[in-house]
Amino acid sequence: MQDIGVIDSAEVATAALAPIRTRLLAELSEPGSATTLAARLGIPRQKLNYHLRQLEKHGLVDLVEERRRGNVHERILRASSSSYVVSPEVMGRVQPVVGADRDQASPRWLLALSSRMVREVGELIVGARRTGKRVGTFGLDGEVRFATPADRAAFADELTDAVTTLVSKYHDDSSDGGRRHRIIVGMHAVPPDSAVQPESAHTPESEEKDDV
């Protein structure tokens, strides 16, 4: 089972996003069959078999084994990935696009940057599986409570200066073996229903991996 599956076509997205199928993908984090799922979910086995065939057709579940129980031929399946992400590429020409209007305070700009990140990292993941390499990434997440909008604006200005300084320090156009990396820094208010994190929490995530 892969850690994360990238859905990068409208056909596969359509196959995956029906509520019953997303539930099946969650249930199949551990191997199961139409028979065991029918008993667990209270849904007729014949109906589940149809949806499982569609998921298998699009590579979203894999056949683990086949076995016979009495008169029943049982196919044991498992989700191909432990989680999935839908690439914005699925939306084609209507996906958010990073354009010339770089309004850093615009939600549209932040979403366009985030969409590009999801699309590009998804492409790296797919390519890495073909070549047997791993993707080198770094993620930093944290929360900060601002007393006033003026403090938020001042923070954004200082953050911009700090990132610009770091980029200037480490950017090297002369290195033959160098590789370009994308840096995205974003900030948004936390929706009211989101889980509360400790104030000023900083939880970096990084891995040393073969770079693709």
N, C-alpha and C. Protein backbone atom coordinates (compact mmCIF):
# COMPACT_ATOMS: atom_id res chain seq x y z
N MET A 1 0.84 -1.20 0.00
CA MET A 1 0.00 0.00 0.00
C MET A 1 0.87 1.25 0.00
N GLN A 2 0.53 2.18 -0.88
CA GLN A 2 1.25 3.45 -0.92
C GLN A 2 0.78 4.36 0.22
N ASP A 3 1.63 5.29 0.61
CA ASP A 3 1.26 6.22 1.66
C ASP A 3 0.17 7.18 1.18
N ILE A 4 0.34 7.71 -0.04
CA ILE A 4 -0.64 8.66 -0.57
C ILE A 4 -0.82 8.42 -2.06
N GLY A 5 -2.05 8.41 -2.50
CA GLY A 5 -2.37 8.25 -3.90
C GLY A 5 -2.79 9.58 -4.50
N VAL A 6 -2.31 9.88 -5.68
CA VAL A 6 -2.62 11.13 -6.35
C VAL A 6 -3.65 10.87 -7.44
N ILE A 7 -4.82 11.48 -7.32
CA ILE A 7 -5.87 11.36 -8.33
C ILE A 7 -5.74 12.53 -9.27
N ASP A 8 -5.31 12.24 -10.50
CA ASP A 8 -4.99 13.34 -11.43
C ASP A 8 -5.80 13.28 -12.72
N SER A 9 -6.93 12.59 -12.70
CA SER A 9 -7.81 12.59 -13.87
C SER A 9 -9.26 12.69 -13.41
N ALA A 10 -10.08 13.33 -14.24
CA ALA A 10 -11.49 13.51 -13.88
C ALA A 10 -12.20 12.17 -13.78
N GLU A 11 -11.82 11.22 -14.62
CA GLU A 11 -12.46 9.91 -14.62
C GLU A 11 -12.24 9.19 -13.30
N VAL A 12 -11.00 9.22 -12.82
CA VAL A 12 -10.69 8.55 -11.55
C VAL A 12 -11.33 9.30 -10.39
N ALA A 13 -11.33 10.63 -10.45
CA ALA A 13 -11.97 11.42 -9.40
C ALA A 13 -13.45 11.09 -9.31
N THR A 14 -14.11 10.97 -10.45
CA THR A 14 -15.53 10.62 -10.47
C THR A 14 -15.75 9.25 -9.85
N ALA A 15 -14.85 8.32 -10.15
CA ALA A 15 -14.97 6.97 -9.60
C ALA A 15 -14.76 6.95 -8.09
N ALA A 16 -13.93 7.85 -7.58
CA ALA A 16 -13.55 7.80 -6.17
C ALA A 16 -14.47 8.59 -5.25
N LEU A 17 -15.09 9.65 -5.75
CA LEU A 17 -15.70 10.63 -4.86
C LEU A 17 -17.16 10.38 -4.51
N ALA A 18 -17.77 9.36 -5.08
CA ALA A 18 -19.11 9.00 -4.63
C ALA A 18 -19.03 8.63 -3.14
N PRO A 19 -19.96 9.11 -2.31
CA PRO A 19 -19.85 8.88 -0.85
C PRO A 19 -19.64 7.42 -0.47
N ILE A 20 -20.36 6.50 -1.11
CA ILE A 20 -20.20 5.09 -0.75
C ILE A 20 -18.80 4.60 -1.08
N ARG A 21 -18.19 5.14 -2.14
CA ARG A 21 -16.85 4.68 -2.52
C ARG A 21 -15.76 5.27 -1.64
N THR A 22 -15.92 6.51 -1.22
CA THR A 22 -14.94 7.06 -0.28
C THR A 22 -15.00 6.29 1.04
N ARG A 23 -16.21 5.85 1.41
CA ARG A 23 -16.32 5.05 2.64
C ARG A 23 -15.65 3.68 2.46
N LEU A 24 -15.83 3.10 1.28
CA LEU A 24 -15.19 1.81 1.01
C LEU A 24 -13.67 1.94 1.05
N LEU A 25 -13.14 3.01 0.49
CA LEU A 25 -11.69 3.22 0.52
C LEU A 25 -11.19 3.32 1.96
N ALA A 26 -11.96 4.00 2.80
CA ALA A 26 -11.57 4.11 4.20
C ALA A 26 -11.62 2.75 4.89
N GLU A 27 -12.68 1.98 4.61
CA GLU A 27 -12.82 0.66 5.23
C GLU A 27 -11.72 -0.29 4.76
N LEU A 28 -11.26 -0.11 3.53
CA LEU A 28 -10.28 -1.03 2.96
C LEU A 28 -8.84 -0.62 3.25
N SER A 29 -8.65 0.18 4.28
CA SER A 29 -7.29 0.41 4.75
C SER A 29 -6.70 -0.91 5.25
N GLU A 30 -7.60 -1.82 5.63
CA GLU A 30 -7.24 -3.20 5.93
C GLU A 30 -7.97 -4.09 4.93
N PRO A 31 -7.36 -5.21 4.52
CA PRO A 31 -7.98 -6.06 3.50
C PRO A 31 -9.39 -6.50 3.89
N GLY A 32 -10.27 -6.54 2.90
CA GLY A 32 -11.64 -6.97 3.13
C GLY A 32 -12.28 -7.42 1.84
N SER A 33 -13.45 -8.01 1.94
CA SER A 33 -14.17 -8.48 0.77
C SER A 33 -15.57 -7.88 0.76
N ALA A 34 -16.27 -8.08 -0.35
CA ALA A 34 -17.65 -7.59 -0.43
C ALA A 34 -18.49 -8.20 0.67
N THR A 35 -18.23 -9.45 1.00
CA THR A 35 -19.01 -10.14 2.04
C THR A 35 -18.78 -9.52 3.41
N THR A 36 -17.52 -9.31 3.77
CA THR A 36 -17.24 -8.74 5.09
C THR A 36 -17.71 -7.29 5.17
N LEU A 37 -17.55 -6.55 4.06
CA LEU A 37 -17.99 -5.15 4.05
C LEU A 37 -19.51 -5.05 4.12
N ALA A 38 -20.20 -5.96 3.45
CA ALA A 38 -21.67 -5.95 3.48
C ALA A 38 -22.18 -6.14 4.90
N ALA A 39 -21.55 -7.07 5.63
CA ALA A 39 -21.96 -7.31 7.01
C ALA A 39 -21.65 -6.11 7.90
N ARG A 40 -20.54 -5.46 7.63
CA ARG A 40 -20.11 -4.32 8.46
C ARG A 40 -20.92 -3.07 8.18
N LEU A 41 -21.24 -2.83 6.90
CA LEU A 41 -21.90 -1.59 6.51
C LEU A 41 -23.41 -1.70 6.35
N GLY A 42 -23.92 -2.92 6.33
CA GLY A 42 -25.36 -3.10 6.14
C GLY A 42 -25.82 -2.76 4.74
N ILE A 43 -24.97 -3.04 3.74
CA ILE A 43 -25.27 -2.76 2.33
C ILE A 43 -25.21 -4.09 1.58
N PRO A 44 -26.15 -4.36 0.68
CA PRO A 44 -26.15 -5.64 -0.04
C PRO A 44 -24.82 -5.91 -0.74
N ARG A 45 -24.39 -7.17 -0.69
CA ARG A 45 -23.10 -7.54 -1.28
C ARG A 45 -23.05 -7.27 -2.77
N GLN A 46 -24.16 -7.51 -3.47
CA GLN A 46 -24.18 -7.27 -4.92
C GLN A 46 -23.91 -5.81 -5.25
N LYS A 47 -24.48 -4.92 -4.44
CA LYS A 47 -24.28 -3.48 -4.66
C LYS A 47 -22.83 -3.11 -4.39
N LEU A 48 -22.27 -3.66 -3.32
CA LEU A 48 -20.88 -3.37 -3.00
C LEU A 48 -19.94 -3.90 -4.07
N ASN A 49 -20.26 -5.08 -4.62
CA ASN A 49 -19.42 -5.65 -5.67
C ASN A 49 -19.30 -4.71 -6.86
N TYR A 50 -20.39 -4.06 -7.22
CA TYR A 50 -20.36 -3.12 -8.35
C TYR A 50 -19.39 -1.97 -8.05
N HIS A 51 -19.52 -1.38 -6.88
CA HIS A 51 -18.66 -0.24 -6.53
C HIS A 51 -17.20 -0.67 -6.38
N LEU A 52 -16.97 -1.85 -5.84
CA LEU A 52 -15.61 -2.34 -5.70
C LEU A 52 -14.97 -2.59 -7.06
N ARG A 53 -15.74 -3.08 -8.00
CA ARG A 53 -15.20 -3.29 -9.35
C ARG A 53 -14.80 -1.96 -9.99
N GLN A 54 -15.60 -0.92 -9.75
CA GLN A 54 -15.26 0.39 -10.30
C GLN A 54 -13.99 0.95 -9.66
N LEU A 55 -13.85 0.77 -8.36
CA LEU A 55 -12.64 1.24 -7.68
C LEU A 55 -11.42 0.46 -8.16
N GLU A 56 -11.58 -0.84 -8.36
CA GLU A 56 -10.47 -1.66 -8.83
C GLU A 56 -10.09 -1.29 -10.27
N LYS A 57 -11.09 -1.02 -11.10
CA LYS A 57 -10.85 -0.65 -12.50
C LYS A 57 -9.96 0.58 -12.60
N HIS A 58 -10.10 1.51 -11.66
CA HIS A 58 -9.33 2.76 -11.71
C HIS A 58 -8.11 2.75 -10.80
N GLY A 59 -7.72 1.56 -10.33
CA GLY A 59 -6.50 1.44 -9.56
C GLY A 59 -6.57 1.96 -8.15
N LEU A 60 -7.78 2.14 -7.63
CA LEU A 60 -7.93 2.68 -6.28
C LEU A 60 -7.94 1.59 -5.21
N VAL A 61 -8.23 0.35 -5.61
CA VAL A 61 -8.08 -0.79 -4.72
C VAL A 61 -7.33 -1.88 -5.46
N ASP A 62 -6.62 -2.71 -4.73
CA ASP A 62 -5.83 -3.80 -5.30
C ASP A 62 -6.33 -5.14 -4.80
N LEU A 63 -6.21 -6.14 -5.64
CA LEU A 63 -6.56 -7.50 -5.24
C LEU A 63 -5.43 -8.08 -4.40
N VAL A 64 -5.76 -8.53 -3.20
CA VAL A 64 -4.77 -9.12 -2.30
C VAL A 64 -4.72 -10.63 -2.49
N GLU A 65 -5.89 -11.25 -2.53
CA GLU A 65 -5.95 -12.70 -2.73
C GLU A 65 -7.37 -13.10 -3.11
N GLU A 66 -7.50 -14.30 -3.63
CA GLU A 66 -8.80 -14.89 -3.92
C GLU A 66 -8.91 -16.20 -3.17
N ARG A 67 -10.09 -16.44 -2.58
CA ARG A 67 -10.28 -17.68 -1.85
C ARG A 67 -11.74 -18.10 -1.93
N ARG A 68 -12.00 -19.35 -1.63
CA ARG A 68 -13.35 -19.88 -1.70
C ARG A 68 -13.84 -20.22 -0.31
N ARG A 69 -15.03 -19.73 0.00
CA ARG A 69 -15.70 -20.07 1.25
C ARG A 69 -17.01 -20.75 0.92
N GLY A 70 -17.02 -22.07 1.03
CA GLY A 70 -18.22 -22.81 0.63
C GLY A 70 -18.48 -22.62 -0.85
N ASN A 71 -19.65 -22.11 -1.17
CA ASN A 71 -20.01 -21.86 -2.57
C ASN A 71 -19.68 -20.44 -3.03
N VAL A 72 -19.06 -19.67 -2.16
CA VAL A 72 -18.78 -18.26 -2.47
C VAL A 72 -17.32 -18.09 -2.84
N HIS A 73 -17.09 -17.49 -4.00
CA HIS A 73 -15.74 -17.13 -4.43
C HIS A 73 -15.46 -15.72 -3.90
N GLU A 74 -14.53 -15.61 -2.96
CA GLU A 74 -14.30 -14.35 -2.26
C GLU A 74 -13.01 -13.69 -2.74
N ARG A 75 -13.12 -12.44 -3.11
CA ARG A 75 -11.97 -11.65 -3.54
C ARG A 75 -11.61 -10.67 -2.43
N ILE A 76 -10.40 -10.76 -1.94
CA ILE A 76 -9.95 -9.90 -0.85
C ILE A 76 -9.24 -8.69 -1.46
N LEU A 77 -9.72 -7.51 -1.12
CA LEU A 77 -9.20 -6.27 -1.69
C LEU A 77 -8.65 -5.37 -0.59
N ARG A 78 -7.80 -4.46 -1.01
CA ARG A 78 -7.28 -3.44 -0.10
C ARG A 78 -7.08 -2.14 -0.87
N ALA A 79 -7.31 -1.01 -0.21
CA ALA A 79 -7.08 0.28 -0.86
C ALA A 79 -5.63 0.37 -1.32
N SER A 80 -5.42 0.95 -2.50
CA SER A 80 -4.07 1.05 -3.03
C SER A 80 -3.21 2.06 -2.28
N SER A 81 -3.84 2.97 -1.55
CA SER A 81 -3.12 3.98 -0.77
C SER A 81 -3.83 4.18 0.56
N SER A 82 -3.09 4.63 1.55
CA SER A 82 -3.70 4.89 2.86
C SER A 82 -4.48 6.20 2.87
N SER A 83 -4.15 7.11 1.93
CA SER A 83 -4.90 8.35 1.77
C SER A 83 -4.76 8.81 0.33
N TYR A 84 -5.64 9.73 -0.06
CA TYR A 84 -5.67 10.19 -1.45
C TYR A 84 -5.78 11.70 -1.48
N VAL A 85 -5.24 12.29 -2.54
CA VAL A 85 -5.40 13.72 -2.78
C VAL A 85 -5.80 13.90 -4.24
N VAL A 86 -6.75 14.80 -4.47
CA VAL A 86 -7.19 15.10 -5.83
C VAL A 86 -6.39 16.30 -6.34
N SER A 87 -5.66 16.10 -7.42
CA SER A 87 -4.87 17.19 -7.99
C SER A 87 -5.79 18.23 -8.61
N PRO A 88 -5.49 19.53 -8.44
CA PRO A 88 -6.27 20.57 -9.11
C PRO A 88 -6.28 20.39 -10.63
N GLU A 89 -5.32 19.64 -11.16
CA GLU A 89 -5.27 19.37 -12.60
C GLU A 89 -6.57 18.77 -13.10
N VAL A 90 -7.29 18.09 -12.20
CA VAL A 90 -8.57 17.48 -12.57
C VAL A 90 -9.55 18.53 -13.10
N MET A 91 -9.44 19.76 -12.60
CA MET A 91 -10.36 20.82 -12.99
C MET A 91 -9.99 21.49 -14.31
N GLY A 92 -8.86 21.07 -14.88
CA GLY A 92 -8.48 21.59 -16.19
C GLY A 92 -8.32 23.10 -16.20
N ARG A 93 -8.97 23.75 -17.15
CA ARG A 93 -8.80 25.19 -17.35
C ARG A 93 -9.47 26.05 -16.28
N VAL A 94 -10.28 25.43 -15.42
CA VAL A 94 -10.96 26.22 -14.38
C VAL A 94 -10.28 26.08 -13.01
N GLN A 95 -9.13 25.42 -12.96
CA GLN A 95 -8.39 25.35 -11.70
C GLN A 95 -7.77 26.71 -11.40
N PRO A 96 -7.52 27.04 -10.11
CA PRO A 96 -6.84 28.30 -9.80
C PRO A 96 -5.46 28.32 -10.41
N VAL A 97 -5.11 29.42 -11.06
CA VAL A 97 -3.83 29.52 -11.76
C VAL A 97 -3.05 30.72 -11.23
N VAL A 98 -1.76 30.52 -11.03
CA VAL A 98 -0.88 31.62 -10.62
C VAL A 98 -0.67 32.52 -11.82
N GLY A 99 -1.21 33.72 -11.77
CA GLY A 99 -1.13 34.65 -12.89
C GLY A 99 -0.27 35.86 -12.58
N ALA A 100 -0.47 36.88 -13.37
CA ALA A 100 0.35 38.08 -13.24
C ALA A 100 -0.07 38.95 -12.05
N ASP A 101 -1.33 38.83 -11.63
CA ASP A 101 -1.84 39.65 -10.54
C ASP A 101 -1.41 39.06 -9.20
N ARG A 102 -0.28 39.54 -8.68
CA ARG A 102 0.29 38.97 -7.47
C ARG A 102 -0.12 39.78 -6.23
N ASP A 103 -1.41 39.75 -5.94
CA ASP A 103 -1.92 40.43 -4.75
C ASP A 103 -1.72 39.50 -3.57
N GLN A 104 -0.69 39.75 -2.77
CA GLN A 104 -0.35 38.84 -1.69
C GLN A 104 -1.41 38.78 -0.60
N ALA A 105 -2.32 39.73 -0.55
CA ALA A 105 -3.38 39.72 0.45
C ALA A 105 -4.66 39.08 -0.08
N SER A 106 -4.61 38.58 -1.31
CA SER A 106 -5.81 38.02 -1.93
C SER A 106 -5.96 36.53 -1.62
N PRO A 107 -7.14 36.08 -1.15
CA PRO A 107 -7.37 34.65 -0.96
C PRO A 107 -7.19 33.86 -2.25
N ARG A 108 -7.57 34.48 -3.38
CA ARG A 108 -7.41 33.79 -4.66
C ARG A 108 -5.94 33.50 -4.94
N TRP A 109 -5.06 34.43 -4.64
CA TRP A 109 -3.64 34.25 -4.85
C TRP A 109 -3.10 33.11 -3.98
N LEU A 110 -3.53 33.08 -2.71
CA LEU A 110 -3.08 32.01 -1.81
C LEU A 110 -3.57 30.65 -2.30
N LEU A 111 -4.82 30.59 -2.74
CA LEU A 111 -5.34 29.33 -3.25
C LEU A 111 -4.65 28.91 -4.54
N ALA A 112 -4.33 29.86 -5.39
CA ALA A 112 -3.61 29.54 -6.62
C ALA A 112 -2.23 28.95 -6.31
N LEU A 113 -1.52 29.55 -5.35
CA LEU A 113 -0.22 29.02 -4.94
C LEU A 113 -0.38 27.62 -4.35
N SER A 114 -1.38 27.44 -3.50
CA SER A 114 -1.59 26.14 -2.86
C SER A 114 -1.96 25.09 -3.89
N SER A 115 -2.79 25.46 -4.86
CA SER A 115 -3.19 24.52 -5.91
C SER A 115 -1.99 24.09 -6.74
N ARG A 116 -1.13 25.06 -7.07
CA ARG A 116 0.06 24.72 -7.83
C ARG A 116 0.96 23.77 -7.03
N MET A 117 1.06 24.01 -5.73
CA MET A 117 1.89 23.14 -4.90
C MET A 117 1.35 21.72 -4.90
N VAL A 118 0.03 21.58 -4.72
CA VAL A 118 -0.57 20.24 -4.73
C VAL A 118 -0.33 19.55 -6.07
N ARG A 119 -0.51 20.30 -7.16
CA ARG A 119 -0.32 19.73 -8.49
C ARG A 119 1.13 19.30 -8.71
N GLU A 120 2.08 20.18 -8.36
CA GLU A 120 3.49 19.87 -8.63
C GLU A 120 4.00 18.75 -7.73
N VAL A 121 3.64 18.77 -6.45
CA VAL A 121 4.08 17.70 -5.56
C VAL A 121 3.44 16.38 -5.98
N GLY A 122 2.18 16.44 -6.42
CA GLY A 122 1.54 15.23 -6.93
C GLY A 122 2.28 14.66 -8.12
N GLU A 123 2.72 15.53 -9.03
CA GLU A 123 3.48 15.08 -10.20
C GLU A 123 4.82 14.46 -9.76
N LEU A 124 5.46 15.05 -8.75
CA LEU A 124 6.71 14.49 -8.25
C LEU A 124 6.51 13.10 -7.66
N ILE A 125 5.41 12.93 -6.92
CA ILE A 125 5.12 11.64 -6.31
C ILE A 125 4.92 10.57 -7.38
N VAL A 126 4.12 10.91 -8.39
CA VAL A 126 3.87 9.96 -9.47
C VAL A 126 5.17 9.62 -10.20
N GLY A 127 5.97 10.64 -10.51
CA GLY A 127 7.24 10.41 -11.20
C GLY A 127 8.21 9.61 -10.36
N ALA A 128 8.24 9.86 -9.06
CA ALA A 128 9.16 9.14 -8.18
C ALA A 128 8.84 7.66 -8.13
N ARG A 129 7.57 7.31 -8.22
CA ARG A 129 7.20 5.90 -8.20
C ARG A 129 7.65 5.18 -9.46
N ARG A 130 7.68 5.92 -10.56
CA ARG A 130 8.14 5.30 -11.82
C ARG A 130 9.64 5.03 -11.77
N THR A 131 10.40 5.93 -11.14
CA THR A 131 11.85 5.84 -11.15
C THR A 131 12.42 5.14 -9.91
N GLY A 132 11.57 4.89 -8.92
CA GLY A 132 12.05 4.26 -7.70
C GLY A 132 12.75 5.21 -6.75
N LYS A 133 12.65 6.50 -7.01
CA LYS A 133 13.25 7.49 -6.13
C LYS A 133 12.23 7.99 -5.12
N ARG A 134 12.70 8.83 -4.20
CA ARG A 134 11.82 9.42 -3.21
C ARG A 134 11.84 10.94 -3.36
N VAL A 135 10.81 11.57 -2.87
CA VAL A 135 10.67 13.01 -3.02
C VAL A 135 11.22 13.72 -1.79
N GLY A 136 12.11 14.70 -1.99
CA GLY A 136 12.63 15.48 -0.88
C GLY A 136 11.78 16.73 -0.67
N THR A 137 11.12 16.82 0.46
CA THR A 137 10.26 17.97 0.76
C THR A 137 10.48 18.43 2.20
N PHE A 138 9.91 19.58 2.50
CA PHE A 138 9.98 20.11 3.86
C PHE A 138 8.69 20.87 4.12
N GLY A 139 8.10 20.67 5.29
CA GLY A 139 6.88 21.39 5.64
C GLY A 139 7.00 22.00 7.02
N LEU A 140 6.50 23.21 7.17
CA LEU A 140 6.53 23.90 8.45
C LEU A 140 5.14 24.43 8.73
N ASP A 141 4.61 24.12 9.90
CA ASP A 141 3.24 24.52 10.24
C ASP A 141 3.21 25.15 11.63
N GLY A 142 2.46 26.20 11.79
CA GLY A 142 2.36 26.84 13.09
C GLY A 142 1.18 27.78 13.16
N GLU A 143 0.89 28.26 14.34
CA GLU A 143 -0.20 29.22 14.53
C GLU A 143 0.31 30.41 15.33
N VAL A 144 -0.23 31.59 15.03
CA VAL A 144 0.10 32.79 15.78
C VAL A 144 -1.17 33.62 15.93
N ARG A 145 -1.38 34.16 17.11
CA ARG A 145 -2.55 35.01 17.36
C ARG A 145 -2.11 36.48 17.33
N PHE A 146 -2.70 37.25 16.43
CA PHE A 146 -2.36 38.67 16.32
C PHE A 146 -3.36 39.50 17.11
N ALA A 147 -2.84 40.48 17.83
CA ALA A 147 -3.71 41.36 18.61
C ALA A 147 -4.49 42.31 17.72
N THR A 148 -3.87 42.76 16.61
CA THR A 148 -4.51 43.73 15.73
C THR A 148 -4.15 43.42 14.27
N PRO A 149 -4.96 43.91 13.32
CA PRO A 149 -4.60 43.77 11.91
C PRO A 149 -3.25 44.41 11.59
N ALA A 150 -2.92 45.49 12.31
CA ALA A 150 -1.63 46.15 12.08
C ALA A 150 -0.48 45.21 12.44
N ASP A 151 -0.64 44.44 13.51
CA ASP A 151 0.40 43.48 13.89
C ASP A 151 0.53 42.40 12.81
N ARG A 152 -0.58 41.97 12.27
CA ARG A 152 -0.55 40.96 11.21
C ARG A 152 0.20 41.47 9.99
N ALA A 153 -0.08 42.71 9.61
CA ALA A 153 0.60 43.32 8.46
C ALA A 153 2.10 43.46 8.73
N ALA A 154 2.47 43.85 9.94
CA ALA A 154 3.88 44.00 10.28
C ALA A 154 4.58 42.65 10.25
N PHE A 155 3.89 41.62 10.74
CA PHE A 155 4.45 40.27 10.72
C PHE A 155 4.70 39.83 9.27
N ALA A 156 3.73 40.08 8.40
CA ALA A 156 3.88 39.69 6.99
C ALA A 156 5.07 40.40 6.35
N ASP A 157 5.25 41.67 6.69
CA ASP A 157 6.39 42.42 6.13
C ASP A 157 7.72 41.84 6.62
N GLU A 158 7.82 41.54 7.91
CA GLU A 158 9.05 40.98 8.46
C GLU A 158 9.32 39.59 7.91
N LEU A 159 8.26 38.81 7.75
CA LEU A 159 8.41 37.46 7.20
C LEU A 159 8.91 37.53 5.76
N THR A 160 8.37 38.45 4.99
CA THR A 160 8.81 38.63 3.61
C THR A 160 10.28 38.99 3.55
N ASP A 161 10.70 39.91 4.42
CA ASP A 161 12.11 40.31 4.45
C ASP A 161 13.00 39.13 4.82
N ALA A 162 12.58 38.32 5.80
CA ALA A 162 13.40 37.20 6.26
C ALA A 162 13.55 36.15 5.16
N VAL A 163 12.44 35.84 4.48
CA VAL A 163 12.50 34.84 3.41
C VAL A 163 13.34 35.35 2.25
N THR A 164 13.16 36.61 1.90
CA THR A 164 13.95 37.20 0.81
C THR A 164 15.44 37.14 1.11
N THR A 165 15.79 37.41 2.35
CA THR A 165 17.20 37.35 2.76
C THR A 165 17.75 35.93 2.63
N LEU A 166 16.97 34.94 3.06
CA LEU A 166 17.42 33.55 2.98
C LEU A 166 17.56 33.09 1.53
N VAL A 167 16.61 33.48 0.69
CA VAL A 167 16.69 33.11 -0.72
C VAL A 167 17.94 33.71 -1.36
N SER A 168 18.19 34.98 -1.05
CA SER A 168 19.38 35.64 -1.61
C SER A 168 20.66 34.97 -1.13
N LYS A 169 20.66 34.47 0.08
CA LYS A 169 21.85 33.84 0.66
C LYS A 169 22.15 32.50 0.00
N TYR A 170 21.12 31.70 -0.27
CA TYR A 170 21.34 30.33 -0.72
C TYR A 170 21.12 30.10 -2.21
N HIS A 171 20.49 31.01 -2.90
CA HIS A 171 20.24 30.82 -4.33
C HIS A 171 21.56 30.83 -5.10
N ASP A 172 21.73 29.82 -5.97
CA ASP A 172 22.99 29.69 -6.71
C ASP A 172 22.69 29.29 -8.15
N ASP A 173 22.81 30.25 -9.06
CA ASP A 173 22.58 29.98 -10.47
C ASP A 173 23.75 29.29 -11.15
N SER A 174 24.91 29.27 -10.47
CA SER A 174 26.13 28.78 -11.13
C SER A 174 26.36 27.29 -10.93
N SER A 175 25.58 26.66 -10.06
CA SER A 175 25.81 25.25 -9.74
C SER A 175 25.24 24.35 -10.83
N ASP A 176 26.14 23.53 -11.46
CA ASP A 176 25.69 22.63 -12.53
C ASP A 176 24.75 21.53 -12.00
N GLY A 177 25.00 21.09 -10.79
CA GLY A 177 24.19 20.01 -10.24
C GLY A 177 23.02 20.49 -9.40
N GLY A 178 22.80 21.79 -9.37
CA GLY A 178 21.73 22.33 -8.54
C GLY A 178 20.36 22.06 -9.13
N ARG A 179 19.34 22.12 -8.30
CA ARG A 179 17.98 21.93 -8.75
C ARG A 179 17.08 22.99 -8.14
N ARG A 180 16.20 23.55 -8.97
CA ARG A 180 15.28 24.57 -8.48
C ARG A 180 14.28 23.97 -7.49
N HIS A 181 13.97 24.73 -6.46
CA HIS A 181 12.95 24.35 -5.48
C HIS A 181 11.94 25.48 -5.35
N ARG A 182 10.69 25.09 -5.13
CA ARG A 182 9.62 26.06 -4.96
C ARG A 182 9.45 26.36 -3.47
N ILE A 183 9.36 27.64 -3.13
CA ILE A 183 9.11 28.06 -1.75
C ILE A 183 7.77 28.77 -1.71
N ILE A 184 6.88 28.30 -0.83
CA ILE A 184 5.57 28.95 -0.67
C ILE A 184 5.38 29.28 0.80
N VAL A 185 5.08 30.51 1.09
CA VAL A 185 4.77 30.93 2.46
C VAL A 185 3.37 31.53 2.44
N GLY A 186 2.50 31.00 3.24
CA GLY A 186 1.12 31.48 3.25
C GLY A 186 0.63 31.69 4.68
N MET A 187 -0.42 32.47 4.81
CA MET A 187 -1.00 32.72 6.12
C MET A 187 -2.49 32.98 5.94
N HIS A 188 -3.28 32.37 6.79
CA HIS A 188 -4.74 32.60 6.73
C HIS A 188 -5.33 32.42 8.12
N ALA A 189 -6.49 33.01 8.32
CA ALA A 189 -7.18 32.84 9.59
C ALA A 189 -7.63 31.39 9.74
N VAL A 190 -7.66 30.91 10.97
CA VAL A 190 -8.10 29.54 11.23
C VAL A 190 -9.62 29.52 11.30
N PRO A 191 -10.28 28.66 10.51
CA PRO A 191 -11.75 28.58 10.57
C PRO A 191 -12.22 28.24 11.98
N PRO A 192 -13.39 28.75 12.38
CA PRO A 192 -13.86 28.57 13.76
C PRO A 192 -13.96 27.12 14.20
N ASP A 193 -14.30 26.20 13.28
CA ASP A 193 -14.52 24.80 13.66
C ASP A 193 -13.25 23.96 13.64
N SER A 194 -12.11 24.55 13.28
CA SER A 194 -10.87 23.78 13.23
C SER A 194 -10.40 23.47 14.64
N ALA A 195 -9.66 22.34 14.75
CA ALA A 195 -9.13 21.95 16.05
C ALA A 195 -8.18 23.03 16.56
N VAL A 196 -8.27 23.33 17.84
CA VAL A 196 -7.43 24.36 18.44
C VAL A 196 -6.03 23.79 18.67
N GLN A 197 -5.02 24.52 18.21
CA GLN A 197 -3.63 24.14 18.43
C GLN A 197 -3.04 25.05 19.51
N PRO A 198 -2.04 24.58 20.22
CA PRO A 198 -1.38 25.45 21.19
C PRO A 198 -0.86 26.71 20.52
N GLU A 199 -1.01 27.84 21.19
CA GLU A 199 -0.56 29.10 20.61
C GLU A 199 0.95 29.06 20.38
N SER A 200 1.34 29.66 19.24
CA SER A 200 2.74 29.74 18.84
C SER A 200 3.38 28.37 18.66
N ALA A 201 2.53 27.36 18.34
CA ALA A 201 3.08 26.02 18.12
C ALA A 201 3.79 25.99 16.78
N HIS A 202 4.95 25.35 16.75
CA HIS A 202 5.70 25.21 15.52
C HIS A 202 6.07 23.74 15.38
N THR A 203 5.60 23.10 14.33
CA THR A 203 5.83 21.68 14.17
C THR A 203 6.42 21.41 12.80
N PRO A 204 7.74 21.57 12.65
CA PRO A 204 8.36 21.32 11.35
C PRO A 204 8.33 19.85 11.01
N GLU A 205 8.21 19.57 9.72
CA GLU A 205 8.26 18.20 9.22
C GLU A 205 9.28 18.17 8.10
N SER A 206 10.28 17.32 8.21
CA SER A 206 11.27 17.24 7.14
C SER A 206 11.80 15.83 7.05
N GLU A 207 12.30 15.48 5.86
CA GLU A 207 12.91 14.19 5.64
C GLU A 207 14.11 14.35 4.74
N GLU A 208 15.14 13.56 5.00
CA GLU A 208 16.28 13.51 4.10
C GLU A 208 16.00 12.37 3.14
N LYS A 209 15.75 12.68 1.86
CA LYS A 209 15.39 11.67 0.88
C LYS A 209 16.13 11.91 -0.41
N ASP A 210 16.13 10.87 -1.24
CA ASP A 210 16.67 11.06 -2.59
C ASP A 210 15.83 12.11 -3.29
N ASP A 211 16.49 13.08 -3.89
CA ASP A 211 15.79 14.18 -4.49
C ASP A 211 15.37 13.85 -5.91
N VAL A 212 14.08 14.01 -6.17
CA VAL A 212 13.59 13.86 -7.53
C VAL A 212 13.03 15.19 -8.00
